[in-house]
Amino acid sequence: MAEAVPDAHEVLTPAMRYAAGGKRLRALLLLASHAAHGGTAATAAVPLAAALELFQTAALLHDDVLDGSDTRRGGPAAHREVEALHRTMGWHGDSAAFGAAGAILAGDLTLMACQRAVNRACAAAPRQAVVVADMFSDMADLVTAGQYADMRAAAQPLAALRHQEAQIRAVMRAKTASYSAEFPLALGAAVAGASDDAMSAMRSIGRDLGVAFQLRDDVLGLVGRPEVTGKPAGDDVREGKRTLLAWYAWSHGDGSTREAVALAFGDRDADDEAVASAVEAMVDAGAVEHAEQEIAHLTRAARSGLEAAGLSGIGASTLDTLITQAVDREH
């Protein structure tokens, strides 16, 4: 492709920057689950783990366009990078629209690479190929539908936030938990040839862990340190992200809480003082404390499920370590 379309590097370069970052949690969960279930076919598990990371990269590229994000991994979001190229070169047309289109195409190319990796995994494990391919497709469907549900929730009037708990939880389960933990754990078991019951158990564990992972991400999005997270403090407030923390603060805070939140929530031009006041109001309303309690509860449930699964060996111990890393992190 590079020889046929040399200019493609302009969209592939930011995609590779996205792919180079991250914690590789999804891949590690898959590989650990594969080992814990007695898997030996590394030629199948490794490309499947790579497919998960490529899927994550594509999701980030697309999400940043949908959310209008300015930064990612401590640098400009891909669409902003391509937008800047268009503007610097003095090309015709709208720079922002060009940047968005370039980032979408970068995500599409990454999804194609993801599919190639899934194909390699299925070819290396022909007995499990149908189960693995169907499971990966189910995951992709859930994430895509979850992204729409997230957009839909954010499009509602701020006053509707009080009634959005169920929608927010559905988004966490579909958009994040599904491909962050639920399906990585189940796919690792599947490619190892595990039973339907074992795969079901891994999905249950992964749902709890995945929601806890998302809640930790939301806590960091509210009160995380920019030098660690790579994103501006309170960025989720400016974005108007419908999180469980935002719902809790709006529903359980008083009039002054809602007033402070309303002044900055969903306003990308809100100044730092307004954002800081909104964050402080949400914290004072107990939103972070409530999230921490739920993270702890879900983490215990995930560990109980892992113990009940009766797994042993280095794969099982690695899974326990990864649970800690997923929920006890600063970025």
Protein backbone atom coordinates (compact mmCIF):
# COMPACT_ATOMS: atom_id res chain seq x y z
CA MET A 1 0.00 0.00 0.00
CA ALA A 2 2.80 2.41 0.86
CA GLU A 3 4.26 2.03 -2.63
CA ALA A 4 0.90 2.44 -4.35
CA VAL A 5 -0.26 5.36 -2.18
CA PRO A 6 2.79 6.98 -0.56
CA ASP A 7 0.73 9.86 0.85
CA ALA A 8 -1.17 7.38 3.03
CA HIS A 9 1.54 7.89 5.64
CA GLU A 10 -0.19 11.16 6.52
CA VAL A 11 -3.06 9.22 8.12
CA LEU A 12 -1.09 6.11 9.08
CA THR A 13 1.45 8.06 11.15
CA PRO A 14 -1.06 9.29 13.76
CA ALA A 15 -2.67 5.82 13.76
CA MET A 16 0.69 4.26 14.60
CA ARG A 17 1.20 6.83 17.36
CA TYR A 18 -2.13 5.80 18.86
CA ALA A 19 -1.21 2.11 18.57
CA ALA A 20 2.17 2.65 20.22
CA GLY A 21 0.62 3.89 23.48
CA GLY A 22 -1.60 2.22 26.00
CA LYS A 23 -1.24 -0.51 28.57
CA ARG A 24 -2.02 -3.52 26.32
CA LEU A 25 -4.52 -4.62 28.98
CA ARG A 26 -6.86 -6.27 26.50
CA ALA A 27 -4.13 -8.30 24.86
CA LEU A 28 -2.70 -9.32 28.22
CA LEU A 29 -6.10 -10.42 29.51
CA LEU A 30 -6.63 -12.56 26.41
CA LEU A 31 -3.20 -14.17 26.64
CA ALA A 32 -3.53 -14.81 30.37
CA SER A 33 -6.98 -16.35 29.92
CA HIS A 34 -5.64 -18.49 27.10
CA ALA A 35 -2.86 -19.79 29.35
CA ALA A 36 -5.20 -20.27 32.32
CA HIS A 37 -7.42 -22.50 30.19
CA GLY A 38 -4.55 -24.69 29.07
CA GLY A 39 -4.01 -23.05 25.72
CA THR A 40 -0.87 -23.94 23.81
CA ALA A 41 -1.56 -22.49 20.35
CA ALA A 42 0.37 -19.23 20.66
CA THR A 43 0.22 -18.90 16.87
CA ALA A 44 -3.52 -18.30 17.29
CA ALA A 45 -3.62 -16.41 20.60
CA VAL A 46 -0.96 -13.84 19.70
CA PRO A 47 -2.57 -12.52 16.49
CA LEU A 48 -5.95 -12.51 18.25
CA ALA A 49 -4.44 -10.39 21.03
CA ALA A 50 -2.99 -8.08 18.37
CA ALA A 51 -6.44 -7.83 16.79
CA LEU A 52 -7.86 -6.54 20.08
CA GLU A 53 -5.23 -3.82 20.27
CA LEU A 54 -5.86 -2.81 16.67
CA PHE A 55 -9.59 -2.70 17.37
CA GLN A 56 -8.88 -0.42 20.34
CA THR A 57 -6.74 1.84 18.17
CA ALA A 58 -9.49 2.12 15.54
CA ALA A 59 -12.07 2.85 18.23
CA LEU A 60 -9.93 5.67 19.63
CA LEU A 61 -9.40 7.21 16.20
CA HIS A 62 -13.12 7.19 15.49
CA ASP A 63 -14.13 8.21 19.03
CA ASP A 64 -11.91 11.29 18.96
CA VAL A 65 -13.67 12.49 15.81
CA LEU A 66 -17.12 11.79 17.25
CA ASP A 67 -16.25 13.48 20.55
CA GLY A 68 -14.33 16.37 19.02
CA SER A 69 -11.38 15.61 21.29
CA ASP A 70 -8.28 17.76 20.95
CA THR A 71 -5.66 15.49 22.53
CA ARG A 72 -4.75 11.83 22.76
CA ARG A 73 -1.75 10.09 24.33
CA GLY A 74 -0.22 13.43 25.30
CA GLY A 75 -0.33 14.79 21.73
CA PRO A 76 -2.89 16.14 19.28
CA ALA A 77 -5.83 13.93 18.37
CA ALA A 78 -5.40 12.38 14.91
CA HIS A 79 -8.07 14.53 13.30
CA ARG A 80 -6.43 17.65 14.70
CA GLU A 81 -3.06 16.50 13.35
CA VAL A 82 -4.44 15.93 9.84
CA GLU A 83 -6.40 19.19 10.09
CA ALA A 84 -3.18 21.05 10.89
CA LEU A 85 -1.48 19.47 7.87
CA HIS A 86 -4.28 20.67 5.58
CA ARG A 87 -4.11 24.18 7.01
CA THR A 88 -0.30 24.37 6.85
CA MET A 89 -0.21 23.20 3.24
CA GLY A 90 -2.84 25.75 2.24
CA TRP A 91 -5.04 23.17 0.52
CA HIS A 92 -8.56 23.88 -0.70
CA GLY A 93 -11.63 23.17 1.41
CA ASP A 94 -12.41 23.08 5.10
CA SER A 95 -9.43 22.01 7.21
CA ALA A 96 -11.53 20.62 10.06
CA ALA A 97 -13.63 18.50 7.70
CA PHE A 98 -10.50 17.21 5.99
CA GLY A 99 -8.98 16.31 9.36
CA ALA A 100 -12.10 14.43 10.45
CA ALA A 101 -12.25 12.50 7.19
CA GLY A 102 -8.55 11.63 7.41
CA ALA A 103 -8.90 10.30 10.95
CA ILE A 104 -11.96 8.24 10.01
CA LEU A 105 -10.01 6.67 7.15
CA ALA A 106 -7.09 6.01 9.51
CA GLY A 107 -9.53 4.17 11.78
CA ASP A 108 -10.92 2.22 8.82
CA LEU A 109 -7.44 1.12 7.76
CA THR A 110 -6.74 0.03 11.32
CA LEU A 111 -9.96 -2.01 11.38
CA MET A 112 -8.84 -3.74 8.19
CA ALA A 113 -5.56 -4.63 9.86
CA CYS A 114 -7.56 -5.89 12.84
CA GLN A 115 -9.59 -8.19 10.56
CA ARG A 116 -6.41 -9.55 9.00
CA ALA A 117 -5.17 -10.46 12.48
CA VAL A 118 -8.45 -12.20 13.34
CA ASN A 119 -8.18 -14.16 10.08
CA ARG A 120 -4.65 -15.29 10.98
CA ALA A 121 -5.84 -16.42 14.42
CA CYS A 122 -8.72 -18.39 12.93
CA ALA A 123 -6.43 -20.04 10.38
CA ALA A 124 -4.09 -21.11 13.18
CA ALA A 125 -6.95 -22.58 15.26
CA PRO A 126 -9.41 -24.00 12.71
CA ARG A 127 -11.42 -25.96 15.29
CA GLN A 128 -12.21 -22.79 17.21
CA ALA A 129 -12.41 -20.49 14.16
CA VAL A 130 -16.19 -20.14 13.96
CA VAL A 131 -16.60 -19.50 17.69
CA VAL A 132 -13.74 -17.00 17.74
CA ALA A 133 -14.87 -15.13 14.62
CA ASP A 134 -18.47 -14.92 15.81
CA MET A 135 -17.39 -13.77 19.27
CA PHE A 136 -15.15 -11.05 17.85
CA SER A 137 -18.02 -9.85 15.64
CA ASP A 138 -20.41 -9.84 18.61
CA MET A 139 -17.93 -7.67 20.47
CA ALA A 140 -17.61 -5.23 17.57
CA ASP A 141 -21.39 -4.98 17.26
CA LEU A 142 -21.77 -4.21 20.97
CA VAL A 143 -19.08 -1.53 20.93
CA THR A 144 -20.57 0.17 17.89
CA ALA A 145 -24.10 0.14 19.30
CA GLY A 146 -22.71 1.35 22.62
CA GLN A 147 -21.03 4.28 20.91
CA TYR A 148 -24.37 5.34 19.45
CA ALA A 149 -26.03 4.97 22.86
CA ASP A 150 -23.30 7.17 24.32
CA MET A 151 -23.90 9.85 21.67
CA ARG A 152 -27.65 9.62 22.21
CA ALA A 153 -27.32 10.08 25.97
CA ALA A 154 -25.05 13.10 25.51
CA ALA A 155 -27.53 14.70 23.11
CA GLN A 156 -30.24 14.85 25.77
CA PRO A 157 -30.83 18.06 27.76
CA LEU A 158 -28.70 18.34 30.87
CA ALA A 159 -31.84 18.18 33.01
CA ALA A 160 -32.37 14.62 31.73
CA LEU A 161 -29.15 13.52 33.44
CA ARG A 162 -31.08 12.76 36.64
CA HIS A 163 -32.89 9.92 34.82
CA GLN A 164 -29.97 8.53 32.81
CA GLU A 165 -28.41 6.04 35.21
CA ALA A 166 -29.68 3.00 33.28
CA GLN A 167 -28.49 4.46 29.97
CA ILE A 168 -25.07 5.26 31.38
CA ARG A 169 -24.68 1.74 32.76
CA ALA A 170 -25.75 0.27 29.42
CA VAL A 171 -23.08 2.33 27.67
CA MET A 172 -20.39 1.24 30.13
CA ARG A 173 -21.30 -2.39 29.60
CA ALA A 174 -21.57 -2.24 25.77
CA LYS A 175 -19.03 0.36 24.75
CA THR A 176 -16.22 -0.33 27.21
CA ALA A 177 -16.63 -3.45 29.35
CA SER A 178 -17.32 -5.61 26.30
CA TYR A 179 -13.96 -5.09 24.58
CA SER A 180 -11.90 -4.05 27.59
CA ALA A 181 -12.38 -7.27 29.58
CA GLU A 182 -15.49 -9.34 28.83
CA PHE A 183 -14.56 -10.51 25.33
CA PRO A 184 -10.76 -10.50 25.79
CA LEU A 185 -11.18 -13.02 28.62
CA ALA A 186 -13.76 -15.06 26.69
CA LEU A 187 -11.74 -15.00 23.47
CA GLY A 188 -8.67 -16.25 25.32
CA ALA A 189 -10.70 -19.15 26.67
CA ALA A 190 -12.30 -19.80 23.27
CA VAL A 191 -9.06 -20.00 21.31
CA ALA A 192 -7.75 -22.41 23.98
CA GLY A 193 -10.70 -24.71 23.25
CA ALA A 194 -12.49 -24.11 26.56
CA SER A 195 -16.07 -25.20 27.20
CA ASP A 196 -19.14 -23.00 26.76
CA ASP A 197 -19.46 -22.80 30.55
CA ALA A 198 -15.87 -21.61 30.89
CA MET A 199 -16.36 -18.93 28.24
CA SER A 200 -19.58 -17.81 29.93
CA ALA A 201 -17.77 -17.55 33.26
CA MET A 202 -15.04 -15.43 31.68
CA ARG A 203 -17.63 -13.10 30.18
CA SER A 204 -19.28 -12.60 33.57
CA ILE A 205 -15.95 -11.86 35.23
CA GLY A 206 -15.06 -9.51 32.38
CA ARG A 207 -18.30 -7.54 32.63
CA ASP A 208 -17.61 -6.73 36.28
CA LEU A 209 -13.97 -5.94 35.61
CA GLY A 210 -14.77 -3.90 32.50
CA VAL A 211 -17.27 -1.65 34.26
CA ALA A 212 -14.80 -1.15 37.12
CA PHE A 213 -12.17 -0.25 34.51
CA GLN A 214 -14.51 2.33 32.95
CA LEU A 215 -15.37 3.81 36.34
CA ARG A 216 -11.65 4.19 37.11
CA ASP A 217 -11.25 5.90 33.73
CA ASP A 218 -14.12 8.26 34.58
CA VAL A 219 -12.63 9.10 37.97
CA LEU A 220 -9.32 9.92 36.27
CA GLY A 221 -11.17 11.94 33.64
CA LEU A 222 -12.58 14.07 36.43
CA VAL A 223 -9.75 14.39 38.95
CA GLY A 224 -6.72 12.78 37.26
CA ARG A 225 -3.44 14.64 36.86
CA PRO A 226 -2.90 15.86 33.27
CA GLU A 227 0.82 15.05 33.38
CA VAL A 228 -0.11 11.43 34.09
CA THR A 229 -3.33 10.96 32.11
CA GLY A 230 -2.18 12.93 29.06
CA LYS A 231 -5.52 14.81 28.98
CA PRO A 232 -6.48 18.21 30.42
CA ALA A 233 -7.95 18.18 33.94
CA GLY A 234 -11.73 18.05 33.92
CA ASP A 235 -11.79 17.28 30.21
CA ASP A 236 -14.87 15.07 30.68
CA VAL A 237 -16.73 18.11 32.06
CA ARG A 238 -16.01 20.24 28.99
CA GLU A 239 -16.94 17.29 26.81
CA GLY A 240 -20.24 16.84 28.67
CA LYS A 241 -19.54 13.14 29.06
CA ARG A 242 -22.46 11.32 30.66
CA THR A 243 -20.70 9.31 33.33
CA LEU A 244 -21.95 7.68 36.49
CA LEU A 245 -20.08 10.39 38.40
CA ALA A 246 -21.94 13.14 36.55
CA TRP A 247 -25.24 11.36 37.13
CA TYR A 248 -24.53 10.91 40.85
CA ALA A 249 -23.52 14.54 41.37
CA TRP A 250 -26.54 15.86 39.48
CA SER A 251 -28.95 13.50 41.24
CA HIS A 252 -27.57 13.67 44.77
CA GLY A 253 -26.12 17.17 44.89
CA ASP A 254 -28.05 20.30 45.83
CA GLY A 255 -29.01 23.30 43.74
CA SER A 256 -25.55 24.86 44.03
CA THR A 257 -23.98 21.62 42.79
CA ARG A 258 -26.16 21.58 39.70
CA GLU A 259 -25.56 25.28 39.10
CA ALA A 260 -21.78 24.83 39.18
CA VAL A 261 -21.93 21.78 36.92
CA ALA A 262 -24.28 23.46 34.44
CA LEU A 263 -21.92 26.41 33.96
CA ALA A 264 -19.19 24.22 32.46
CA PHE A 265 -20.73 20.87 31.50
CA GLY A 266 -20.62 20.34 27.74
CA ASP A 267 -19.07 23.76 27.12
CA ARG A 268 -15.78 23.31 25.28
CA ASP A 269 -15.02 26.99 25.74
CA ALA A 270 -15.51 26.93 29.52
CA ASP A 271 -12.58 28.53 31.31
CA ASP A 272 -10.41 26.65 33.78
CA GLU A 273 -12.06 28.31 36.77
CA ALA A 274 -15.54 27.20 35.73
CA VAL A 275 -14.34 23.65 35.09
CA ALA A 276 -12.53 23.53 38.43
CA SER A 277 -15.68 24.71 40.21
CA ALA A 278 -17.75 22.01 38.47
CA VAL A 279 -15.22 19.33 39.41
CA GLU A 280 -15.14 20.52 43.01
CA ALA A 281 -18.95 20.49 43.18
CA MET A 282 -19.08 16.93 41.83
CA VAL A 283 -16.47 15.74 44.30
CA ASP A 284 -18.22 17.47 47.21
CA ALA A 285 -21.49 15.79 46.19
CA GLY A 286 -19.82 12.43 46.78
CA ALA A 287 -19.51 11.35 43.13
CA VAL A 288 -15.91 10.14 43.40
CA GLU A 289 -16.54 8.39 46.72
CA HIS A 290 -19.55 6.61 45.24
CA ALA A 291 -17.53 5.52 42.20
CA GLU A 292 -14.71 4.20 44.39
CA GLN A 293 -17.20 2.12 46.36
CA GLU A 294 -18.61 0.63 43.19
CA ILE A 295 -15.14 -0.06 41.79
CA ALA A 296 -14.29 -1.96 44.98
CA HIS A 297 -17.54 -3.95 44.82
CA LEU A 298 -17.08 -4.90 41.17
CA THR A 299 -13.44 -5.81 41.73
CA ARG A 300 -14.41 -8.18 44.54
CA ALA A 301 -17.05 -9.74 42.28
CA ALA A 302 -14.51 -10.25 39.48
CA ARG A 303 -12.05 -11.88 41.86
CA SER A 304 -14.77 -14.11 43.33
CA GLY A 305 -15.69 -15.21 39.82
CA LEU A 306 -12.08 -15.95 39.01
CA GLU A 307 -11.74 -18.02 42.18
CA ALA A 308 -14.96 -19.91 41.42
CA ALA A 309 -13.69 -20.71 37.92
CA GLY A 310 -11.07 -22.94 39.55
CA LEU A 311 -8.24 -21.84 37.27
CA SER A 312 -4.64 -22.42 38.30
CA GLY A 313 -1.11 -21.88 37.12
CA ILE A 314 0.67 -18.78 35.90
CA GLY A 315 -2.28 -17.79 33.70
CA ALA A 316 -4.61 -17.59 36.70
CA SER A 317 -2.12 -15.66 38.82
CA THR A 318 -1.51 -13.27 35.93
CA LEU A 319 -5.24 -12.66 35.63
CA ASP A 320 -5.39 -11.73 39.31
CA THR A 321 -2.51 -9.27 38.80
CA LEU A 322 -4.19 -7.78 35.75
CA ILE A 323 -7.39 -7.18 37.70
CA THR A 324 -5.37 -5.04 40.10
CA GLN A 325 -3.68 -3.16 37.26
CA ALA A 326 -7.01 -2.47 35.56
CA VAL A 327 -8.68 -0.81 38.54
CA ASP A 328 -5.75 0.54 40.56
CA ARG A 329 -4.06 2.92 38.14
CA GLU A 330 -3.32 6.58 37.59
CA HIS A 331 -3.79 6.70 33.81
